[in-house]
Amino acid sequence: MITSNDETKLWDVFTLQQTIITKLRKVGAEPYKVDSDGAHYYKDLKFSQVSFRSGKERVMSEEQRQAASERFKKMHEEKKAE
């Protein structure tokens, strides 16, 4: 559940979804309460900490997928060499 306050530009978030918990952690949000069932409660998050995407999935051709795979492998090898 997400609620927002247009006047203060703040969000309150309640979630059990690990994906959402991870995304909030990455933007610096810390829950003020965590239940034993894993529910996380966040209060007064800035509007800039929460965003929504269109949900469009990127469709890649086999060639694009292969090129992306090659780039990832090359980047991973370079990091290992450091």
Protein backbone atom coordinates (compact mmCIF):
# COMPACT_ATOMS: atom_id res chain seq x y z
CA MET A 1 0.00 0.00 0.00
CA ILE A 2 1.30 3.43 -0.92
CA THR A 3 -0.17 6.73 0.21
CA SER A 4 1.01 10.17 -0.77
CA ASN A 5 0.55 13.66 0.55
CA ASP A 6 0.54 16.29 -2.20
CA GLU A 7 0.94 19.11 0.30
CA THR A 8 4.10 17.79 1.96
CA LYS A 9 5.31 15.83 -1.11
CA LEU A 10 5.90 12.72 1.01
CA TRP A 11 4.99 9.02 0.65
CA ASP A 12 4.13 6.36 3.21
CA VAL A 13 4.72 2.78 2.05
CA PHE A 14 3.75 -0.63 3.43
CA THR A 15 5.03 -3.68 1.55
CA LEU A 16 5.78 -7.37 1.84
CA GLN A 17 7.39 -7.52 -1.63
CA GLN A 18 11.15 -8.11 -1.54
CA THR A 19 11.59 -6.37 -4.90
CA ILE A 20 10.07 -3.15 -3.52
CA ILE A 21 12.03 -3.44 -0.26
CA THR A 22 15.27 -3.76 -2.25
CA LYS A 23 14.43 -0.78 -4.47
CA LEU A 24 13.63 1.37 -1.45
CA ARG A 25 16.87 0.33 0.26
CA LYS A 26 18.80 1.34 -2.88
CA VAL A 27 17.39 4.88 -2.71
CA GLY A 28 18.34 5.18 0.95
CA ALA A 29 14.97 4.48 2.55
CA GLU A 30 14.98 2.71 5.90
CA PRO A 31 11.85 1.13 7.35
CA TYR A 32 10.71 2.44 10.72
CA LYS A 33 9.10 -0.93 11.45
CA VAL A 34 9.53 -4.53 10.23
CA ASP A 35 6.97 -7.15 11.28
CA SER A 36 7.83 -10.78 12.01
CA ASP A 37 6.09 -11.74 8.74
CA GLY A 38 8.50 -9.50 6.79
CA ALA A 39 6.18 -6.54 6.28
CA HIS A 40 8.15 -3.29 5.98
CA TYR A 41 6.74 0.12 6.89
CA TYR A 42 8.22 3.36 5.58
CA LYS A 43 7.13 6.88 6.51
CA ASP A 44 7.84 10.29 5.02
CA LEU A 45 9.73 9.20 1.92
CA LYS A 46 10.49 12.05 -0.48
CA PHE A 47 8.62 12.04 -3.77
CA SER A 48 11.98 11.65 -5.51
CA GLN A 49 12.60 8.33 -3.71
CA VAL A 50 9.56 6.64 -5.25
CA SER A 51 8.91 6.32 -8.98
CA PHE A 52 6.71 4.32 -11.30
CA ARG A 53 7.62 3.01 -14.71
CA SER A 54 5.33 2.38 -17.66
CA GLY A 55 5.60 -1.38 -17.51
CA LYS A 56 6.61 -1.67 -21.16
CA GLU A 57 8.83 -4.65 -21.66
CA ARG A 58 11.81 -4.21 -23.90
CA VAL A 59 11.62 -6.58 -26.82
CA MET A 60 15.05 -7.54 -28.13
CA SER A 61 15.89 -9.40 -31.30
CA GLU A 62 18.20 -12.39 -31.05
CA GLU A 63 21.02 -10.24 -32.46
CA GLN A 64 20.46 -7.54 -29.83
CA ARG A 65 20.35 -10.15 -27.08
CA GLN A 66 23.62 -11.67 -28.30
CA ALA A 67 25.31 -8.25 -28.50
CA ALA A 68 24.18 -7.41 -24.96
CA SER A 69 25.49 -10.75 -23.74
CA GLU A 70 28.87 -10.08 -25.35
CA ARG A 71 29.06 -6.60 -23.76
CA PHE A 72 28.22 -8.05 -20.34
CA LYS A 73 30.84 -10.80 -20.65
CA LYS A 74 33.49 -8.28 -21.71
CA MET A 75 32.63 -5.93 -18.83
CA HIS A 76 32.68 -8.83 -16.35
CA GLU A 77 36.09 -9.99 -17.59
CA GLU A 78 37.50 -6.47 -17.31
CA LYS A 79 36.28 -6.19 -13.72
CA LYS A 80 37.84 -9.52 -12.82
CA ALA A 81 41.17 -8.35 -14.26
CA GLU A 82 41.25 -5.29 -11.96
